[in-house]
Each structure stands twice: as C-alpha cells, then as structure tokens.
Amino acid sequence: AAALFGSKIIDTHGELKRGLLGRMVFNDPQKLSQLNELLHPAIWKRT
C-alpha cells in the first residue's frame, strides 16, 4: 500500500495512518479500486 500511495500513509511508528489513506482513496475512485484489489483477496482468505 505504501508503494502504491506513498510512504506518507505510514506514521513514525510504522503504523498505518488510516484516516489519511481513507481520505486519499475515497476522493479518487481509481485509488479506491487499487486498494480494494490489493486488500480484498487477503481479507477474505483470512476471514
């Protein structure tokens, strides 16, 4: 995700800045689609 959207989405402790990533992707349908393609298969596999 950091490679796709930039290292700015990770804070100094190595944790995801969820609010920032949310604002980025929900303001850009293409970015939202990219994030979904990355995460959804992994989420459902684990689920």
All heavy atoms as atom14 arrays in JSON, in Angstrom:
{
  "sequence": "AAALFGSKIIDTHGELKRGLLGRMVFNDPQKLSQLNELLHPAIWKRT",
  "atom14_mask": [
    [1, 1, 1, 1, 1, 0, 0, 0, 0, 0, 0, 0, 0, 0],
    [1, 1, 1, 1, 1, 0, 0, 0, 0, 0, 0, 0, 0, 0],
    [1, 1, 1, 1, 1, 0, 0, 0, 0, 0, 0, 0, 0, 0],
    [1, 1, 1, 1, 1, 1, 1, 1, 0, 0, 0, 0, 0, 0],
    [1, 1, 1, 1, 1, 1, 1, 1, 1, 1, 1, 0, 0, 0],
    [1, 1, 1, 1, 0, 0, 0, 0, 0, 0, 0, 0, 0, 0],
    [1, 1, 1, 1, 1, 1, 0, 0, 0, 0, 0, 0, 0, 0],
    [1, 1, 1, 1, 1, 1, 1, 1, 1, 0, 0, 0, 0, 0],
    [1, 1, 1, 1, 1, 1, 1, 1, 0, 0, 0, 0, 0, 0],
    [1, 1, 1, 1, 1, 1, 1, 1, 0, 0, 0, 0, 0, 0],
    [1, 1, 1, 1, 1, 1, 1, 1, 0, 0, 0, 0, 0, 0],
    [1, 1, 1, 1, 1, 1, 1, 0, 0, 0, 0, 0, 0, 0],
    [1, 1, 1, 1, 1, 1, 1, 1, 1, 1, 0, 0, 0, 0],
    [1, 1, 1, 1, 0, 0, 0, 0, 0, 0, 0, 0, 0, 0],
    [1, 1, 1, 1, 1, 1, 1, 1, 1, 0, 0, 0, 0, 0],
    [1, 1, 1, 1, 1, 1, 1, 1, 0, 0, 0, 0, 0, 0],
    [1, 1, 1, 1, 1, 1, 1, 1, 1, 0, 0, 0, 0, 0],
    [1, 1, 1, 1, 1, 1, 1, 1, 1, 1, 1, 0, 0, 0],
    [1, 1, 1, 1, 0, 0, 0, 0, 0, 0, 0, 0, 0, 0],
    [1, 1, 1, 1, 1, 1, 1, 1, 0, 0, 0, 0, 0, 0],
    [1, 1, 1, 1, 1, 1, 1, 1, 0, 0, 0, 0, 0, 0],
    [1, 1, 1, 1, 0, 0, 0, 0, 0, 0, 0, 0, 0, 0],
    [1, 1, 1, 1, 1, 1, 1, 1, 1, 1, 1, 0, 0, 0],
    [1, 1, 1, 1, 1, 1, 1, 1, 0, 0, 0, 0, 0, 0],
    [1, 1, 1, 1, 1, 1, 1, 0, 0, 0, 0, 0, 0, 0],
    [1, 1, 1, 1, 1, 1, 1, 1, 1, 1, 1, 0, 0, 0],
    [1, 1, 1, 1, 1, 1, 1, 1, 0, 0, 0, 0, 0, 0],
    [1, 1, 1, 1, 1, 1, 1, 1, 0, 0, 0, 0, 0, 0],
    [1, 1, 1, 1, 1, 1, 1, 0, 0, 0, 0, 0, 0, 0],
    [1, 1, 1, 1, 1, 1, 1, 1, 1, 0, 0, 0, 0, 0],
    [1, 1, 1, 1, 1, 1, 1, 1, 1, 0, 0, 0, 0, 0],
    [1, 1, 1, 1, 1, 1, 1, 1, 0, 0, 0, 0, 0, 0],
    [1, 1, 1, 1, 1, 1, 0, 0, 0, 0, 0, 0, 0, 0],
    [1, 1, 1, 1, 1, 1, 1, 1, 1, 0, 0, 0, 0, 0],
    [1, 1, 1, 1, 1, 1, 1, 1, 0, 0, 0, 0, 0, 0],
    [1, 1, 1, 1, 1, 1, 1, 1, 0, 0, 0, 0, 0, 0],
    [1, 1, 1, 1, 1, 1, 1, 1, 1, 0, 0, 0, 0, 0],
    [1, 1, 1, 1, 1, 1, 1, 1, 0, 0, 0, 0, 0, 0],
    [1, 1, 1, 1, 1, 1, 1, 1, 0, 0, 0, 0, 0, 0],
    [1, 1, 1, 1, 1, 1, 1, 1, 1, 1, 0, 0, 0, 0],
    [1, 1, 1, 1, 1, 1, 1, 0, 0, 0, 0, 0, 0, 0],
    [1, 1, 1, 1, 1, 0, 0, 0, 0, 0, 0, 0, 0, 0],
    [1, 1, 1, 1, 1, 1, 1, 1, 0, 0, 0, 0, 0, 0],
    [1, 1, 1, 1, 1, 1, 1, 1, 1, 1, 1, 1, 1, 1],
    [1, 1, 1, 1, 1, 1, 1, 1, 1, 0, 0, 0, 0, 0],
    [1, 1, 1, 1, 1, 1, 1, 1, 1, 1, 1, 0, 0, 0],
    [1, 1, 1, 1, 1, 1, 1, 0, 0, 0, 0, 0, 0, 0]
  ],
  "atom14_positions": [
    [[0.83, -1.2, 0.0], [0.0, 0.0, 0.0], [0.87, 1.25, 0.0], [0.57, 2.23, -0.69], [-0.94, -0.01, 1.2], [0.0, 0.0, 0.0], [0.0, 0.0, 0.0], [0.0, 0.0, 0.0], [0.0, 0.0, 0.0], [0.0, 0.0, 0.0], [0.0, 0.0, 0.0], [0.0, 0.0, 0.0], [0.0, 0.0, 0.0], [0.0, 0.0, 0.0]],
    [[1.95, 1.22, 0.76], [2.87, 2.37, 0.8], [3.53, 2.57, -0.56], [3.77, 3.71, -0.98], [3.92, 2.15, 1.88], [0.0, 0.0, 0.0], [0.0, 0.0, 0.0], [0.0, 0.0, 0.0], [0.0, 0.0, 0.0], [0.0, 0.0, 0.0], [0.0, 0.0, 0.0], [0.0, 0.0, 0.0], [0.0, 0.0, 0.0], [0.0, 0.0, 0.0]],
    [[3.81, 1.46, -1.25], [4.39, 1.58, -2.59], [3.39, 2.21, -3.57], [3.77, 2.96, -4.47], [4.83, 0.2, -3.09], [0.0, 0.0, 0.0], [0.0, 0.0, 0.0], [0.0, 0.0, 0.0], [0.0, 0.0, 0.0], [0.0, 0.0, 0.0], [0.0, 0.0, 0.0], [0.0, 0.0, 0.0], [0.0, 0.0, 0.0], [0.0, 0.0, 0.0]],
    [[2.11, 1.92, -3.38], [1.07, 2.45, -4.27], [0.74, 3.91, -3.96], [0.58, 4.72, -4.87], [-0.2, 1.61, -4.12], [-0.31, 0.32, -4.91], [-1.57, -0.44, -4.49], [-0.35, 0.59, -6.41], [0.0, 0.0, 0.0], [0.0, 0.0, 0.0], [0.0, 0.0, 0.0], [0.0, 0.0, 0.0], [0.0, 0.0, 0.0], [0.0, 0.0, 0.0]],
    [[0.63, 4.22, -2.66], [0.09, 5.52, -2.27], [1.09, 6.45, -1.59], [0.75, 7.57, -1.24], [-1.12, 5.3, -1.34], [-2.17, 4.41, -1.95], [-2.44, 3.17, -1.42], [-2.88, 4.82, -3.07], [-3.41, 2.34, -1.97], [-3.85, 4.0, -3.63], [-4.11, 2.75, -3.1], [0.0, 0.0, 0.0], [0.0, 0.0, 0.0], [0.0, 0.0, 0.0]],
    [[2.31, 5.97, -1.39], [3.34, 6.81, -0.81], [3.6, 6.48, 0.65], [2.69, 6.07, 1.39], [0.0, 0.0, 0.0], [0.0, 0.0, 0.0], [0.0, 0.0, 0.0], [0.0, 0.0, 0.0], [0.0, 0.0, 0.0], [0.0, 0.0, 0.0], [0.0, 0.0, 0.0], [0.0, 0.0, 0.0], [0.0, 0.0, 0.0], [0.0, 0.0, 0.0]],
    [[4.83, 6.67, 1.08], [5.23, 6.34, 2.45], [4.55, 7.22, 3.49], [4.55, 6.91, 4.68], [6.75, 6.46, 2.6], [7.18, 7.78, 2.3], [0.0, 0.0, 0.0], [0.0, 0.0, 0.0], [0.0, 0.0, 0.0], [0.0, 0.0, 0.0], [0.0, 0.0, 0.0], [0.0, 0.0, 0.0], [0.0, 0.0, 0.0], [0.0, 0.0, 0.0]],
    [[3.94, 8.32, 3.03], [3.25, 9.23, 3.96], [2.07, 8.56, 4.67], [1.58, 9.07, 5.68], [2.76, 10.47, 3.24], [1.8, 10.21, 2.08], [1.44, 11.51, 1.38], [0.56, 11.26, 0.16], [1.27, 10.53, -0.91], [0.0, 0.0, 0.0], [0.0, 0.0, 0.0], [0.0, 0.0, 0.0], [0.0, 0.0, 0.0], [0.0, 0.0, 0.0]],
    [[1.59, 7.42, 4.15], [0.45, 6.75, 4.8], [0.9, 5.96, 6.03], [0.05, 5.41, 6.74], [-0.3, 5.82, 3.83], [0.55, 4.61, 3.43], [-0.8, 6.59, 2.61], [-0.23, 3.52, 2.72], [0.0, 0.0, 0.0], [0.0, 0.0, 0.0], [0.0, 0.0, 0.0], [0.0, 0.0, 0.0], [0.0, 0.0, 0.0], [0.0, 0.0, 0.0]],
    [[2.19, 5.89, 6.29], [2.72, 5.18, 7.46], [3.33, 6.19, 8.42], [4.1, 7.06, 8.02], [3.77, 4.14, 7.04], [3.16, 3.11, 6.08], [4.34, 3.43, 8.27], [4.15, 2.08, 5.57], [0.0, 0.0, 0.0], [0.0, 0.0, 0.0], [0.0, 0.0, 0.0], [0.0, 0.0, 0.0], [0.0, 0.0, 0.0], [0.0, 0.0, 0.0]],
    [[2.97, 6.08, 9.71], [3.48, 7.04, 10.69], [4.89, 6.66, 11.17], [5.47, 5.66, 10.71], [2.52, 7.21, 11.87], [2.39, 5.95, 12.73], [3.28, 5.08, 12.7], [1.39, 5.85, 13.48], [0.0, 0.0, 0.0], [0.0, 0.0, 0.0], [0.0, 0.0, 0.0], [0.0, 0.0, 0.0], [0.0, 0.0, 0.0], [0.0, 0.0, 0.0]],
    [[5.43, 7.44, 12.07], [6.81, 7.22, 12.52], [6.99, 5.94, 13.31], [8.11, 5.48, 13.53], [7.28, 8.41, 13.38], [6.36, 8.6, 14.47], [7.37, 9.68, 12.55], [0.0, 0.0, 0.0], [0.0, 0.0, 0.0], [0.0, 0.0, 0.0], [0.0, 0.0, 0.0], [0.0, 0.0, 0.0], [0.0, 0.0, 0.0], [0.0, 0.0, 0.0]],
    [[5.89, 5.35, 13.75], [5.94, 4.07, 14.48], [5.71, 2.87, 13.56], [5.63, 1.73, 14.02], [4.89, 4.07, 15.6], [5.06, 5.18, 16.58], [6.11, 5.22, 17.5], [4.33, 6.31, 16.78], [6.0, 6.33, 18.22], [4.94, 7.0, 17.82], [0.0, 0.0, 0.0], [0.0, 0.0, 0.0], [0.0, 0.0, 0.0], [0.0, 0.0, 0.0]],
    [[5.57, 3.13, 12.27], [5.36, 2.06, 11.32], [3.91, 1.61, 11.18], [3.63, 0.59, 10.55], [0.0, 0.0, 0.0], [0.0, 0.0, 0.0], [0.0, 0.0, 0.0], [0.0, 0.0, 0.0], [0.0, 0.0, 0.0], [0.0, 0.0, 0.0], [0.0, 0.0, 0.0], [0.0, 0.0, 0.0], [0.0, 0.0, 0.0], [0.0, 0.0, 0.0]],
    [[2.99, 2.39, 11.76], [1.57, 2.05, 11.71], [0.87, 2.82, 10.58], [1.28, 3.92, 10.21], [0.89, 2.39, 13.04], [1.51, 1.72, 14.26], [1.14, 0.26, 14.39], [0.31, -0.22, 13.57], [1.65, -0.4, 15.31], [0.0, 0.0, 0.0], [0.0, 0.0, 0.0], [0.0, 0.0, 0.0], [0.0, 0.0, 0.0], [0.0, 0.0, 0.0]],
    [[-0.19, 2.23, 10.06], [-0.96, 2.86, 9.0], [-1.71, 4.09, 9.52], [-2.34, 4.04, 10.58], [-1.98, 1.86, 8.44], [-2.97, 2.39, 7.41], [-2.26, 2.84, 6.15], [-4.03, 1.33, 7.1], [0.0, 0.0, 0.0], [0.0, 0.0, 0.0], [0.0, 0.0, 0.0], [0.0, 0.0, 0.0], [0.0, 0.0, 0.0], [0.0, 0.0, 0.0]],
    [[-1.64, 5.17, 8.78], [-2.47, 6.34, 9.04], [-3.82, 6.12, 8.33], [-3.99, 6.48, 7.16], [-1.8, 7.61, 8.51], [-0.51, 7.99, 9.21], [0.05, 9.27, 8.61], [1.35, 9.7, 9.27], [1.89, 10.93, 8.62], [0.0, 0.0, 0.0], [0.0, 0.0, 0.0], [0.0, 0.0, 0.0], [0.0, 0.0, 0.0], [0.0, 0.0, 0.0]],
    [[-4.74, 5.5, 9.02], [-5.99, 5.09, 8.4], [-6.81, 6.27, 7.88], [-7.42, 6.21, 6.81], [-6.83, 4.26, 9.38], [-6.16, 2.96, 9.73], [-7.02, 2.06, 10.6], [-6.31, 0.81, 10.8], [-6.31, -0.2, 9.94], [-7.02, -0.1, 8.84], [-5.62, -1.28, 10.17], [0.0, 0.0, 0.0], [0.0, 0.0, 0.0], [0.0, 0.0, 0.0]],
    [[-6.84, 7.33, 8.66], [-7.61, 8.49, 8.24], [-7.08, 9.09, 6.95], [-7.85, 9.43, 6.04], [0.0, 0.0, 0.0], [0.0, 0.0, 0.0], [0.0, 0.0, 0.0], [0.0, 0.0, 0.0], [0.0, 0.0, 0.0], [0.0, 0.0, 0.0], [0.0, 0.0, 0.0], [0.0, 0.0, 0.0], [0.0, 0.0, 0.0], [0.0, 0.0, 0.0]],
    [[-5.76, 9.19, 6.86], [-5.15, 9.76, 5.66], [-5.41, 8.87, 4.45], [-5.81, 9.36, 3.38], [-3.64, 9.92, 5.86], [-2.84, 10.37, 4.64], [-3.33, 11.73, 4.15], [-1.34, 10.42, 4.96], [0.0, 0.0, 0.0], [0.0, 0.0, 0.0], [0.0, 0.0, 0.0], [0.0, 0.0, 0.0], [0.0, 0.0, 0.0], [0.0, 0.0, 0.0]],
    [[-5.21, 7.57, 4.59], [-5.45, 6.67, 3.47], [-6.91, 6.71, 3.05], [-7.23, 6.71, 1.86], [-5.04, 5.24, 3.84], [-5.22, 4.19, 2.74], [-4.41, 4.55, 1.49], [-4.83, 2.81, 3.24], [0.0, 0.0, 0.0], [0.0, 0.0, 0.0], [0.0, 0.0, 0.0], [0.0, 0.0, 0.0], [0.0, 0.0, 0.0], [0.0, 0.0, 0.0]],
    [[-7.81, 6.75, 4.03], [-9.24, 6.82, 3.71], [-9.58, 8.06, 2.91], [-10.31, 7.98, 1.91], [0.0, 0.0, 0.0], [0.0, 0.0, 0.0], [0.0, 0.0, 0.0], [0.0, 0.0, 0.0], [0.0, 0.0, 0.0], [0.0, 0.0, 0.0], [0.0, 0.0, 0.0], [0.0, 0.0, 0.0], [0.0, 0.0, 0.0], [0.0, 0.0, 0.0]],
    [[-9.04, 9.2, 3.31], [-9.31, 10.44, 2.56], [-8.75, 10.35, 1.15], [-9.39, 10.83, 0.19], [-8.72, 11.64, 3.3], [-9.45, 12.0, 4.58], [-9.0, 13.33, 5.12], [-7.58, 13.32, 5.53], [-7.14, 12.93, 6.72], [-7.99, 12.49, 7.63], [-5.85, 12.98, 7.0], [0.0, 0.0, 0.0], [0.0, 0.0, 0.0], [0.0, 0.0, 0.0]],
    [[-7.59, 9.74, 1.0], [-6.98, 9.62, -0.33], [-7.82, 8.78, -1.26], [-8.1, 9.17, -2.4], [-5.57, 9.01, -0.21], [-4.54, 9.92, 0.44], [-2.95, 9.07, 0.68], [-2.47, 8.76, -1.03], [0.0, 0.0, 0.0], [0.0, 0.0, 0.0], [0.0, 0.0, 0.0], [0.0, 0.0, 0.0], [0.0, 0.0, 0.0], [0.0, 0.0, 0.0]],
    [[-8.25, 7.61, -0.79], [-8.92, 6.69, -1.71], [-10.39, 7.04, -1.93], [-10.91, 6.82, -3.03], [-8.78, 5.22, -1.24], [-7.31, 4.82, -1.15], [-9.48, 4.95, 0.09], [0.0, 0.0, 0.0], [0.0, 0.0, 0.0], [0.0, 0.0, 0.0], [0.0, 0.0, 0.0], [0.0, 0.0, 0.0], [0.0, 0.0, 0.0], [0.0, 0.0, 0.0]],
    [[-11.06, 7.6, -0.93], [-12.47, 7.91, -1.12], [-12.67, 9.2, -1.92], [-13.78, 9.5, -2.34], [-13.2, 7.97, 0.22], [-13.5, 6.61, 0.77], [-12.75, 6.08, 1.8], [-14.52, 5.85, 0.24], [-13.01, 4.8, 2.3], [-14.81, 4.58, 0.73], [-14.04, 4.06, 1.76], [0.0, 0.0, 0.0], [0.0, 0.0, 0.0], [0.0, 0.0, 0.0]],
    [[-11.59, 9.92, -2.16], [-11.66, 11.07, -3.03], [-11.21, 10.75, -4.45], [-11.18, 11.62, -5.32], [-10.78, 12.21, -2.48], [-11.41, 12.88, -1.28], [-12.62, 13.07, -1.24], [-10.6, 13.23, -0.29], [0.0, 0.0, 0.0], [0.0, 0.0, 0.0], [0.0, 0.0, 0.0], [0.0, 0.0, 0.0], [0.0, 0.0, 0.0], [0.0, 0.0, 0.0]],
    [[-10.85, 9.49, -4.71], [-10.32, 9.08, -6.01], [-10.76, 7.64, -6.29], [-10.17, 6.7, -5.75], [-8.8, 9.19, -6.0], [-8.18, 8.94, -7.36], [-8.73, 8.13, -8.13], [-7.12, 9.54, -7.65], [0.0, 0.0, 0.0], [0.0, 0.0, 0.0], [0.0, 0.0, 0.0], [0.0, 0.0, 0.0], [0.0, 0.0, 0.0], [0.0, 0.0, 0.0]],
    [[-11.77, 7.44, -7.12], [-12.27, 6.08, -7.4], [-11.2, 5.13, -7.9], [-11.23, 3.93, -7.58], [-13.34, 6.32, -8.47], [-13.8, 7.72, -8.25], [-12.58, 8.47, -7.8], [0.0, 0.0, 0.0], [0.0, 0.0, 0.0], [0.0, 0.0, 0.0], [0.0, 0.0, 0.0], [0.0, 0.0, 0.0], [0.0, 0.0, 0.0], [0.0, 0.0, 0.0]],
    [[-10.24, 5.63, -8.67], [-9.17, 4.75, -9.18], [-8.3, 4.25, -8.03], [-7.95, 3.06, -7.99], [-8.32, 5.49, -10.2], [-7.23, 4.6, -10.82], [-6.41, 5.32, -11.87], [-6.66, 6.48, -12.19], [-5.42, 4.63, -12.42], [0.0, 0.0, 0.0], [0.0, 0.0, 0.0], [0.0, 0.0, 0.0], [0.0, 0.0, 0.0], [0.0, 0.0, 0.0]],
    [[-7.98, 5.13, -7.09], [-7.18, 4.71, -5.95], [-7.95, 3.75, -5.05], [-7.37, 2.8, -4.51], [-6.72, 5.94, -5.15], [-5.65, 6.75, -5.85], [-5.22, 7.95, -5.0], [-4.11, 8.73, -5.7], [-3.7, 9.92, -4.92], [0.0, 0.0, 0.0], [0.0, 0.0, 0.0], [0.0, 0.0, 0.0], [0.0, 0.0, 0.0], [0.0, 0.0, 0.0]],
    [[-9.24, 3.99, -4.9], [-10.07, 3.08, -4.11], [-10.07, 1.69, -4.74], [-9.96, 0.68, -4.04], [-11.49, 3.62, -3.99], [-12.48, 2.76, -3.2], [-12.0, 2.56, -1.77], [-13.87, 3.38, -3.23], [0.0, 0.0, 0.0], [0.0, 0.0, 0.0], [0.0, 0.0, 0.0], [0.0, 0.0, 0.0], [0.0, 0.0, 0.0], [0.0, 0.0, 0.0]],
    [[-10.19, 1.64, -6.06], [-10.17, 0.37, -6.76], [-8.83, -0.33, -6.58], [-8.78, -1.56, -6.36], [-10.45, 0.59, -8.25], [-10.4, -0.62, -8.96], [0.0, 0.0, 0.0], [0.0, 0.0, 0.0], [0.0, 0.0, 0.0], [0.0, 0.0, 0.0], [0.0, 0.0, 0.0], [0.0, 0.0, 0.0], [0.0, 0.0, 0.0], [0.0, 0.0, 0.0]],
    [[-7.74, 0.41, -6.63], [-6.4, -0.16, -6.43], [-6.27, -0.77, -5.03], [-5.73, -1.87, -4.87], [-5.33, 0.9, -6.64], [-5.11, 1.32, -8.06], [-4.04, 2.4, -8.16], [-4.12, 3.44, -7.47], [-3.05, 2.2, -9.0], [0.0, 0.0, 0.0], [0.0, 0.0, 0.0], [0.0, 0.0, 0.0], [0.0, 0.0, 0.0], [0.0, 0.0, 0.0]],
    [[-6.75, -0.04, -4.05], [-6.66, -0.53, -2.67], [-7.5, -1.79, -2.49], [-7.05, -2.76, -1.86], [-7.12, 0.56, -1.7], [-7.0, 0.21, -0.21], [-5.54, 0.02, 0.19], [-7.65, 1.28, 0.66], [0.0, 0.0, 0.0], [0.0, 0.0, 0.0], [0.0, 0.0, 0.0], [0.0, 0.0, 0.0], [0.0, 0.0, 0.0], [0.0, 0.0, 0.0]],
    [[-8.7, -1.77, -3.05], [-9.57, -2.93, -2.94], [-8.94, -4.17, -3.6], [-9.02, -5.27, -3.07], [-10.93, -2.63, -3.57], [-11.76, -1.66, -2.75], [-11.48, -1.45, -1.57], [-12.76, -1.06, -3.37], [0.0, 0.0, 0.0], [0.0, 0.0, 0.0], [0.0, 0.0, 0.0], [0.0, 0.0, 0.0], [0.0, 0.0, 0.0], [0.0, 0.0, 0.0]],
    [[-8.36, -3.97, -4.76], [-7.71, -5.09, -5.46], [-6.56, -5.66, -4.66], [-6.29, -6.86, -4.69], [-7.22, -4.62, -6.84], [-8.34, -4.38, -7.84], [-7.83, -3.82, -9.16], [-6.59, -3.78, -9.35], [-8.66, -3.41, -10.0], [0.0, 0.0, 0.0], [0.0, 0.0, 0.0], [0.0, 0.0, 0.0], [0.0, 0.0, 0.0], [0.0, 0.0, 0.0]],
    [[-5.88, -4.81, -3.92], [-4.76, -5.25, -3.09], [-5.24, -6.01, -1.86], [-4.72, -7.08, -1.54], [-3.93, -4.03, -2.66], [-2.84, -4.29, -1.58], [-1.77, -5.23, -2.13], [-2.24, -2.97, -1.12], [0.0, 0.0, 0.0], [0.0, 0.0, 0.0], [0.0, 0.0, 0.0], [0.0, 0.0, 0.0], [0.0, 0.0, 0.0], [0.0, 0.0, 0.0]],
    [[-6.24, -5.46, -1.19], [-6.59, -5.97, 0.14], [-7.69, -7.03, 0.17], [-7.63, -7.95, 0.99], [-7.03, -4.8, 1.03], [-5.98, -3.75, 1.34], [-6.54, -2.73, 2.32], [-4.72, -4.38, 1.91], [0.0, 0.0, 0.0], [0.0, 0.0, 0.0], [0.0, 0.0, 0.0], [0.0, 0.0, 0.0], [0.0, 0.0, 0.0], [0.0, 0.0, 0.0]],
    [[-8.69, -6.91, -0.67], [-9.85, -7.79, -0.54], [-9.53, -9.28, -0.64], [-10.05, -10.07, 0.17], [-10.93, -7.4, -1.54], [-11.64, -6.14, -1.16], [-12.48, -5.45, -2.01], [-11.64, -5.43, -0.01], [-12.96, -4.39, -1.41], [-12.46, -4.35, -0.19], [0.0, 0.0, 0.0], [0.0, 0.0, 0.0], [0.0, 0.0, 0.0], [0.0, 0.0, 0.0]],
    [[-8.68, -9.72, -1.58], [-8.37, -11.16, -1.59], [-7.74, -11.64, -0.29], [-8.09, -12.72, 0.22], [-7.38, -11.29, -2.77], [-7.71, -10.13, -3.66], [-8.06, -9.02, -2.72], [0.0, 0.0, 0.0], [0.0, 0.0, 0.0], [0.0, 0.0, 0.0], [0.0, 0.0, 0.0], [0.0, 0.0, 0.0], [0.0, 0.0, 0.0], [0.0, 0.0, 0.0]],
    [[-6.85, -10.84, 0.28], [-6.2, -11.22, 1.54], [-7.18, -11.21, 2.7], [-7.15, -12.1, 3.57], [-5.03, -10.27, 1.83], [0.0, 0.0, 0.0], [0.0, 0.0, 0.0], [0.0, 0.0, 0.0], [0.0, 0.0, 0.0], [0.0, 0.0, 0.0], [0.0, 0.0, 0.0], [0.0, 0.0, 0.0], [0.0, 0.0, 0.0], [0.0, 0.0, 0.0]],
    [[-8.06, -10.22, 2.72], [-9.04, -10.13, 3.8], [-9.98, -11.33, 3.78], [-10.23, -11.96, 4.81], [-9.84, -8.81, 3.7], [-8.93, -7.62, 4.04], [-11.05, -8.84, 4.64], [-9.54, -6.27, 3.74], [0.0, 0.0, 0.0], [0.0, 0.0, 0.0], [0.0, 0.0, 0.0], [0.0, 0.0, 0.0], [0.0, 0.0, 0.0], [0.0, 0.0, 0.0]],
    [[-10.5, -11.67, 2.6], [-11.44, -12.79, 2.53], [-10.76, -14.13, 2.77], [-11.36, -15.03, 3.38], [-12.19, -12.78, 1.21], [-13.22, -11.69, 1.17], [-13.25, -10.61, 0.34], [-14.36, -11.55, 2.03], [-14.33, -9.81, 0.62], [-15.03, -10.37, 1.65], [-14.88, -12.32, 3.07], [-16.19, -9.94, 2.28], [-16.03, -11.9, 3.7], [-16.68, -10.72, 3.31]],
    [[-9.53, -14.27, 2.32], [-8.8, -15.51, 2.59], [-8.65, -15.73, 4.09], [-8.91, -16.83, 4.61], [-7.42, -15.48, 1.93], [-6.61, -16.76, 2.15], [-5.26, -16.68, 1.45], [-4.45, -17.95, 1.69], [-3.13, -17.9, 0.99], [0.0, 0.0, 0.0], [0.0, 0.0, 0.0], [0.0, 0.0, 0.0], [0.0, 0.0, 0.0], [0.0, 0.0, 0.0]],
    [[-8.26, -14.7, 4.8], [-8.09, -14.79, 6.25], [-9.44, -14.97, 6.94], [-9.57, -15.77, 7.89], [-7.39, -13.53, 6.77], [-7.21, -13.48, 8.28], [-6.42, -14.64, 8.81], [-6.13, -14.51, 10.24], [-5.87, -15.52, 11.04], [-5.83, -16.78, 10.55], [-5.62, -15.32, 12.32], [0.0, 0.0, 0.0], [0.0, 0.0, 0.0], [0.0, 0.0, 0.0]],
    [[-10.46, -14.26, 6.46], [-11.79, -14.38, 7.05], [-12.29, -15.82, 6.97], [-12.77, -16.38, 7.96], [-12.78, -13.44, 6.33], [-12.39, -12.09, 6.57], [-14.2, -13.65, 6.84], [0.0, 0.0, 0.0], [0.0, 0.0, 0.0], [0.0, 0.0, 0.0], [0.0, 0.0, 0.0], [0.0, 0.0, 0.0], [0.0, 0.0, 0.0], [0.0, 0.0, 0.0]]
  ]
}
